[in-house]
C-alpha atoms as a PDB file:
ATOM      1  CA  MET A   1    -144.036  71.164-203.070  1.00  0.00           C
ATOM      2  CA  PRO A   2    -146.852  69.090-200.999  1.00  0.00           C
ATOM      3  CA  SER A   3    -148.966  66.614-202.119  1.00  0.00           C
ATOM      4  CA  ILE A   4    -152.224  67.461-202.809  1.00  0.00           C
ATOM      5  CA  PRO A   5    -154.690  65.329-201.795  1.00  0.00           C
ATOM      6  CA  THR A   6    -157.783  63.722-204.586  1.00  0.00           C
ATOM      7  CA  TYR A   7    -159.912  66.308-205.533  1.00  0.00           C
ATOM      8  CA  ASN A   8    -163.204  66.868-207.842  1.00  0.00           C
ATOM      9  CA  GLU A   9    -161.930  69.287-209.633  1.00  0.00           C
ATOM     10  CA  ALA A  10    -165.288  70.814-211.254  1.00  0.00           C
ATOM     11  CA  HIS A  11    -166.221  71.403-207.235  1.00  0.00           C
ATOM     12  CA  LEU A  12    -162.966  72.923-206.487  1.00  0.00           C
ATOM     13  CA  LEU A  13    -163.079  75.320-209.812  1.00  0.00           C
ATOM     14  CA  GLN A  14    -166.753  75.950-208.489  1.00  0.00           C
ATOM     15  CA  ARG A  15    -165.102  77.465-205.338  1.00  0.00           C
ATOM     16  CA  LEU A  16    -162.756  79.643-206.854  1.00  0.00           C
ATOM     17  CA  ALA A  17    -164.871  80.852-209.095  1.00  0.00           C
ATOM     18  CA  ALA A  18    -167.008  81.792-205.556  1.00  0.00           C
ATOM     19  CA  GLY A  19    -163.749  83.576-204.472  1.00  0.00           C
ATOM     20  CA  GLU A  20    -162.250  80.980-201.862  1.00  0.00           C
ATOM     21  CA  GLN A  21    -158.930  81.528-201.068  1.00  0.00           C
ATOM     22  CA  ASP A  22    -158.064  77.973-200.019  1.00  0.00           C
ATOM     23  CA  ALA A  23    -159.204  76.924-203.347  1.00  0.00           C
ATOM     24  CA  PHE A  24    -156.895  79.250-204.627  1.00  0.00           C
ATOM     25  CA  ARG A  25    -154.253  77.803-202.717  1.00  0.00           C
ATOM     26  CA  GLN A  26    -154.776  74.214-204.414  1.00  0.00           C
ATOM     27  CA  VAL A  27    -154.930  74.905-207.724  1.00  0.00           C
ATOM     28  CA  PHE A  28    -152.296  77.042-207.288  1.00  0.00           C
ATOM     29  CA  GLU A  29    -149.704  74.127-205.855  1.00  0.00           C
ATOM     30  CA  GLN A  30    -151.482  71.745-207.859  1.00  0.00           C
ATOM     31  CA  TYR A  31    -150.694  73.271-211.123  1.00  0.00           C
ATOM     32  CA  TRP A  32    -147.674  75.721-210.364  1.00  0.00           C
ATOM     33  CA  ASP A  33    -145.267  73.345-212.094  1.00  0.00           C
ATOM     34  CA  GLN A  34    -147.676  72.662-215.023  1.00  0.00           C
ATOM     35  CA  VAL A  35    -147.502  77.050-215.752  1.00  0.00           C
ATOM     36  CA  TYR A  36    -143.826  77.284-214.489  1.00  0.00           C
ATOM     37  CA  ALA A  37    -142.782  75.219-217.627  1.00  0.00           C
ATOM     38  CA  VAL A  38    -144.884  76.493-220.436  1.00  0.00           C
ATOM     39  CA  GLY A  39    -143.186  80.152-219.644  1.00  0.00           C
ATOM     40  CA  LEU A  40    -140.125  78.581-219.244  1.00  0.00           C
ATOM     41  CA  LYS A  41    -140.418  76.573-223.185  1.00  0.00           C
ATOM     42  CA  ILE A  42    -141.450  79.912-224.305  1.00  0.00           C
ATOM     43  CA  SER A  43    -138.520  82.221-222.096  1.00  0.00           C
ATOM     44  CA  LYS A  44    -135.855  79.922-221.796  1.00  0.00           C
ATOM     45  CA  SER A  45    -135.329  82.108-218.542  1.00  0.00           C
ATOM     46  CA  PRO A  46    -135.920  81.035-215.298  1.00  0.00           C
ATOM     47  CA  GLU A  47    -136.378  83.770-213.776  1.00  0.00           C
ATOM     48  CA  LEU A  48    -139.390  84.920-216.176  1.00  0.00           C
ATOM     49  CA  ALA A  49    -140.709  81.769-216.872  1.00  0.00           C
ATOM     50  CA  LYS A  50    -141.297  82.313-212.343  1.00  0.00           C
ATOM     51  CA  ASP A  51    -142.725  86.121-213.281  1.00  0.00           C
ATOM     52  CA  LEU A  52    -144.846  84.800-215.702  1.00  0.00           C
ATOM     53  CA  ALA A  53    -146.380  82.235-213.664  1.00  0.00           C
ATOM     54  CA  GLN A  54    -146.972  84.288-210.903  1.00  0.00           C
ATOM     55  CA  GLU A  55    -148.861  86.787-213.688  1.00  0.00           C
ATOM     56  CA  THR A  56    -151.009  84.117-215.180  1.00  0.00           C
ATOM     57  CA  PHE A  57    -152.330  82.851-211.204  1.00  0.00           C
ATOM     58  CA  MET A  58    -152.640  86.337-210.574  1.00  0.00           C
ATOM     59  CA  LYS A  59    -154.854  86.759-213.860  1.00  0.00           C
ATOM     60  CA  LEU A  60    -156.437  83.852-213.016  1.00  0.00           C
ATOM     61  CA  TRP A  61    -157.412  84.828-209.846  1.00  0.00           C
ATOM     62  CA  HIS A  62    -158.870  88.001-211.546  1.00  0.00           C
ATOM     63  CA  GLN A  63    -161.061  86.067-214.260  1.00  0.00           C
ATOM     64  CA  ARG A  64    -162.308  83.815-211.531  1.00  0.00           C
ATOM     65  CA  ALA A  65    -165.889  84.278-212.360  1.00  0.00           C
ATOM     66  CA  GLN A  66    -165.208  82.849-216.141  1.00  0.00           C
ATOM     67  CA  LEU A  67    -163.985  79.221-214.657  1.00  0.00           C
ATOM     68  CA  ASN A  68    -167.486  77.926-214.450  1.00  0.00           C
ATOM     69  CA  ALA A  69    -167.908  77.992-218.251  1.00  0.00           C
ATOM     70  CA  VAL A  70    -164.751  75.865-218.249  1.00  0.00           C
ATOM     71  CA  THR A  71    -164.529  72.174-218.955  1.00  0.00           C
ATOM     72  CA  ASN A  72    -160.812  71.389-219.922  1.00  0.00           C
ATOM     73  CA  PHE A  73    -158.848  73.449-216.621  1.00  0.00           C
ATOM     74  CA  ARG A  74    -155.863  71.832-218.034  1.00  0.00           C
ATOM     75  CA  ALA A  75    -155.963  73.336-221.556  1.00  0.00           C
ATOM     76  CA  TYR A  76    -157.593  76.840-220.307  1.00  0.00           C
ATOM     77  CA  LEU A  77    -154.336  76.719-217.962  1.00  0.00           C
ATOM     78  CA  ASN A  78    -151.588  76.647-220.799  1.00  0.00           C
ATOM     79  CA  VAL A  79    -153.764  78.957-222.987  1.00  0.00           C
ATOM     80  CA  LEU A  80    -153.558  81.182-219.954  1.00  0.00           C
ATOM     81  CA  SER A  81    -149.711  80.911-219.398  1.00  0.00           C
ATOM     82  CA  ARG A  82    -148.817  80.666-223.032  1.00  0.00           C
ATOM     83  CA  ASN A  83    -150.524  83.630-224.046  1.00  0.00           C
ATOM     84  CA  LEU A  84    -149.363  85.835-220.888  1.00  0.00           C
ATOM     85  CA  ALA A  85    -145.753  84.198-222.062  1.00  0.00           C
ATOM     86  CA  ILE A  86    -146.387  85.506-226.122  1.00  0.00           C
ATOM     87  CA  ASP A  87    -147.282  88.816-224.754  1.00  0.00           C
ATOM     88  CA  HIS A  88    -144.195  89.320-223.430  1.00  0.00           C
ATOM     89  CA  LEU A  89    -142.591  88.116-225.481  1.00  0.00           C
ATOM     90  CA  ARG A  90    -143.869  90.413-228.472  1.00  0.00           C
ATOM     91  CA  LYS A  91    -143.016  93.869-226.129  1.00  0.00           C
ATOM     92  CA  LYS A  92    -139.691  92.634-225.847  1.00  0.00           C
ATOM     93  CA  VAL A  93    -138.971  90.909-229.110  1.00  0.00           C
ATOM     94  CA  PHE A  94    -141.101  91.557-232.137  1.00  0.00           C
ATOM     95  CA  THR A  95    -142.200  95.001-233.579  1.00  0.00           C
ATOM     96  CA  ALA A  96    -145.640  95.324-234.430  1.00  0.00           C
ATOM     97  CA  ASP A  97    -145.877  94.333-238.350  1.00  0.00           C
ATOM     98  CA  ASN A  98    -144.631  90.875-236.680  1.00  0.00           C
ATOM     99  CA  GLU A  99    -147.718  90.667-234.255  1.00  0.00           C
ATOM    100  CA  ASP A 100    -150.266  89.204-236.433  1.00  0.00           C
ATOM    101  CA  TYR A 101    -147.276  86.573-237.382  1.00  0.00           C
ATOM    102  CA  LEU A 102    -146.602  85.301-234.338  1.00  0.00           C
ATOM    103  CA  LEU A 103    -150.287  85.388-233.253  1.00  0.00           C
ATOM    104  CA  ASN A 104    -151.481  82.965-236.124  1.00  0.00           C
ATOM    105  CA  TYR A 105    -147.950  80.907-235.686  1.00  0.00           C
ATOM    106  CA  PHE A 106    -148.819  80.130-232.647  1.00  0.00           C
ATOM    107  CA  HIS A 107    -152.278  79.845-232.844  1.00  0.00           C
ATOM    108  CA  GLU A 108    -151.712  76.884-235.685  1.00  0.00           C
ATOM    109  CA  GLY A 109    -149.087  75.815-234.225  1.00  0.00           C
ATOM    110  CA  ALA A 110    -149.808  75.243-230.672  1.00  0.00           C
ATOM    111  CA  ALA A 111    -148.676  72.161-229.529  1.00  0.00           C
ATOM    112  CA  MET A 112    -144.782  72.788-231.066  1.00  0.00           C
ATOM    113  CA  LEU A 113    -143.036  72.819-228.025  1.00  0.00           C
ATOM    114  CA  THR A 114    -144.730  71.135-226.028  1.00  0.00           C
ATOM    115  CA  GLY A 115    -142.964  67.820-226.873  1.00  0.00           C
ATOM    116  CA  ASP A 116    -139.359  67.758-224.361  1.00  0.00           C
ATOM    117  CA  ALA A 117    -137.672  65.371-227.166  1.00  0.00           C
ATOM    118  CA  GLU A 118    -138.417  68.073-230.044  1.00  0.00           C
ATOM    119  CA  TYR A 119    -137.794  71.344-227.371  1.00  0.00           C
ATOM    120  CA  LYS A 120    -134.499  69.483-226.564  1.00  0.00           C
ATOM    121  CA  GLU A 121    -133.939  68.666-229.785  1.00  0.00           C
ATOM    122  CA  LEU A 122    -134.070  72.282-231.271  1.00  0.00           C
ATOM    123  CA  GLU A 123    -132.004  74.031-227.561  1.00  0.00           C
ATOM    124  CA  GLN A 124    -129.474  71.240-229.247  1.00  0.00           C
ATOM    125  CA  ILE A 125    -129.361  72.812-232.331  1.00  0.00           C
ATOM    126  CA  LEU A 126    -129.697  76.785-231.225  1.00  0.00           C
ATOM    127  CA  SER A 127    -127.246  76.048-228.983  1.00  0.00           C
ATOM    128  CA  GLU A 128    -124.773  74.269-231.596  1.00  0.00           C
ATOM    129  CA  ALA A 129    -125.637  77.361-233.930  1.00  0.00           C
ATOM    130  CA  VAL A 130    -124.655  80.336-230.631  1.00  0.00           C
ATOM    131  CA  ASN A 131    -121.611  78.285-229.829  1.00  0.00           C
ATOM    132  CA  GLN A 132    -120.050  79.646-233.062  1.00  0.00           C
ATOM    133  CA  LEU A 133    -120.451  82.075-232.590  1.00  0.00           C
ATOM    134  CA  PRO A 134    -116.814  84.581-231.533  1.00  0.00           C
ATOM    135  CA  PRO A 135    -117.013  84.873-227.850  1.00  0.00           C
ATOM    136  CA  GLN A 136    -117.640  89.211-228.120  1.00  0.00           C
ATOM    137  CA  MET A 137    -120.567  88.306-231.094  1.00  0.00           C
ATOM    138  CA  GLN A 138    -121.983  85.098-228.639  1.00  0.00           C
ATOM    139  CA  GLN A 139    -122.281  87.522-225.776  1.00  0.00           C
ATOM    140  CA  VAL A 140    -124.009  90.598-228.020  1.00  0.00           C
ATOM    141  CA  PHE A 141    -126.709  87.738-229.043  1.00  0.00           C
ATOM    142  CA  ARG A 142    -126.783  86.096-225.503  1.00  0.00           C
ATOM    143  CA  LEU A 143    -127.780  89.307-223.918  1.00  0.00           C
ATOM    144  CA  SER A 144    -130.114  90.847-226.940  1.00  0.00           C
ATOM    145  CA  ARG A 145    -131.727  87.854-227.351  1.00  0.00           C
ATOM    146  CA  PHE A 146    -131.773  85.944-224.348  1.00  0.00           C
ATOM    147  CA  GLU A 147    -131.713  88.368-221.838  1.00  0.00           C
ATOM    148  CA  GLY A 148    -133.837  91.002-223.653  1.00  0.00           C
ATOM    149  CA  LEU A 149    -131.134  94.144-223.190  1.00  0.00           C
ATOM    150  CA  SER A 150    -130.915  96.915-225.738  1.00  0.00           C
ATOM    151  CA  HIS A 151    -127.961  97.790-227.927  1.00  0.00           C
ATOM    152  CA  ALA A 152    -127.211 100.836-225.803  1.00  0.00           C
ATOM    153  CA  GLU A 153    -127.515  98.229-222.723  1.00  0.00           C
ATOM    154  CA  ILE A 154    -125.125  95.893-224.376  1.00  0.00           C
ATOM    155  CA  ALA A 155    -122.685  98.560-224.990  1.00  0.00           C
ATOM    156  CA  ALA A 156    -122.313 100.101-221.766  1.00  0.00           C
ATOM    157  CA  ARG A 157    -122.130  96.302-220.515  1.00  0.00           C
ATOM    158  CA  MET A 158    -119.312  94.979-222.683  1.00  0.00           C
ATOM    159  CA  ASN A 159    -117.757  98.993-223.162  1.00  0.00           C
ATOM    160  CA  ILE A 160    -118.193  98.862-227.042  1.00  0.00           C
ATOM    161  CA  THR A 161    -119.940 101.446-229.037  1.00  0.00           C
ATOM    162  CA  LEU A 162    -123.392 100.976-230.144  1.00  0.00           C
ATOM    163  CA  VAL A 163    -121.972 100.555-233.757  1.00  0.00           C
ATOM    164  CA  THR A 164    -119.763  97.662-232.793  1.00  0.00           C
ATOM    165  CA  SER A 165    -122.800  96.154-231.114  1.00  0.00           C
ATOM    166  CA  LYS A 166    -125.220  96.404-233.583  1.00  0.00           C
ATOM    167  CA  SER A 167    -122.380  95.422-236.100  1.00  0.00           C
ATOM    168  CA  TYR A 168    -121.982  91.919-234.367  1.00  0.00           C
ATOM    169  CA  MET A 169    -125.706  91.421-233.512  1.00  0.00           C
ATOM    170  CA  VAL A 170    -126.166  91.313-237.357  1.00  0.00           C
ATOM    171  CA  ARG A 171    -123.198  89.148-238.045  1.00  0.00           C
ATOM    172  CA  ALA A 172    -124.596  86.483-235.256  1.00  0.00           C
ATOM    173  CA  LEU A 173    -128.023  86.922-236.593  1.00  0.00           C
ATOM    174  CA  ALA A 174    -126.497  85.996-240.833  1.00  0.00           C
ATOM    175  CA  ALA A 175    -124.355  83.098-239.187  1.00  0.00           C
ATOM    176  CA  ILE A 176    -126.912  81.325-236.796  1.00  0.00           C
ATOM    177  CA  ARG A 177    -129.496  81.702-239.756  1.00  0.00           C
ATOM    178  CA  LYS A 178    -126.996  79.905-241.772  1.00  0.00           C
ATOM    179  CA  HIS A 179    -126.665  77.370-239.468  1.00  0.00           C
ATOM    180  CA  LEU A 180    -130.412  76.427-238.576  1.00  0.00           C
ATOM    181  CA  SER A 181    -131.182  76.904-242.736  1.00  0.00           C
ATOM    182  CA  ARG A 182    -129.405  73.610-243.069  1.00  0.00           C
ATOM    183  CA  TYR A 183    -132.004  71.485-240.830  1.00  0.00           C
ATOM    184  CA  GLN A 184    -135.496  70.491-242.070  1.00  0.00           C
ATOM    185  CA  TYR A 185    -136.779  70.667-238.886  1.00  0.00           C
ATOM    186  CA  GLU A 186    -140.219  72.921-238.512  1.00  0.00           C
ATOM    187  CA  PRO A 187    -139.827  73.984-235.257  1.00  0.00           C
ATOM    188  CA  LEU A 188    -136.882  75.763-236.393  1.00  0.00           C
ATOM    189  CA  LEU A 189    -138.754  78.212-238.377  1.00  0.00           C
ATOM    190  CA  PHE A 190    -139.868  79.612-235.655  1.00  0.00           C
ATOM    191  CA  TRP A 191    -136.306  80.449-234.707  1.00  0.00           C
ATOM    192  CA  LEU A 192    -135.736  81.469-238.016  1.00  0.00           C
ATOM    193  CA  PHE A 193    -138.177  83.739-237.641  1.00  0.00           C
ATOM    194  CA  ILE A 194    -136.896  85.483-234.724  1.00  0.00           C
ATOM    195  CA  PHE A 195    -133.421  85.748-235.665  1.00  0.00           C
ATOM    196  CA  SER A 196    -135.015  87.483-238.915  1.00  0.00           C
ATOM    197  CA  ILE A 197    -135.282  90.533-236.224  1.00  0.00           C
ATOM    198  CA  ALA A 198    -132.233  92.371-235.647  1.00  0.00           C
END
């Protein structure tokens, strides 16, 4: 990533709000890593995080006229990128009945996954739980939760029946919830919520 010269952020945002493409390029280069990191922490997928980052900057460009009113651009960009990632998860993972819970959770605990050490600890605990599953059950879980495949797609990829895929997932979720419940660790509440949805 090329180094970005020192600049007056307020002036840069004014130029971006006015539609200057060079200002947009500077903002893109300056903040790409930050936006990508937000998407990666939430999605755990480098490819998806890249797509989410691109979508965030596209949305930023389309909403550029609003930037004159922004006083903390870094926080504004964090909220924008986080909301796009949450929207993606809601469409891919969560049911409509759980949308209010998800939105309230992130509103009240938005900083939950921002600490690198905390996130790594959470990732390690989750990884331990998944790694303890039998191989095929582990594969079904990863394909479903980390790649977003449906049970029909999993069954086709693994050459198993639809019923078998669903059975493996139910057993995997039960085993993971049991493992995670041993820890008195607040961010795990989020994962326990996710893993309660078959």
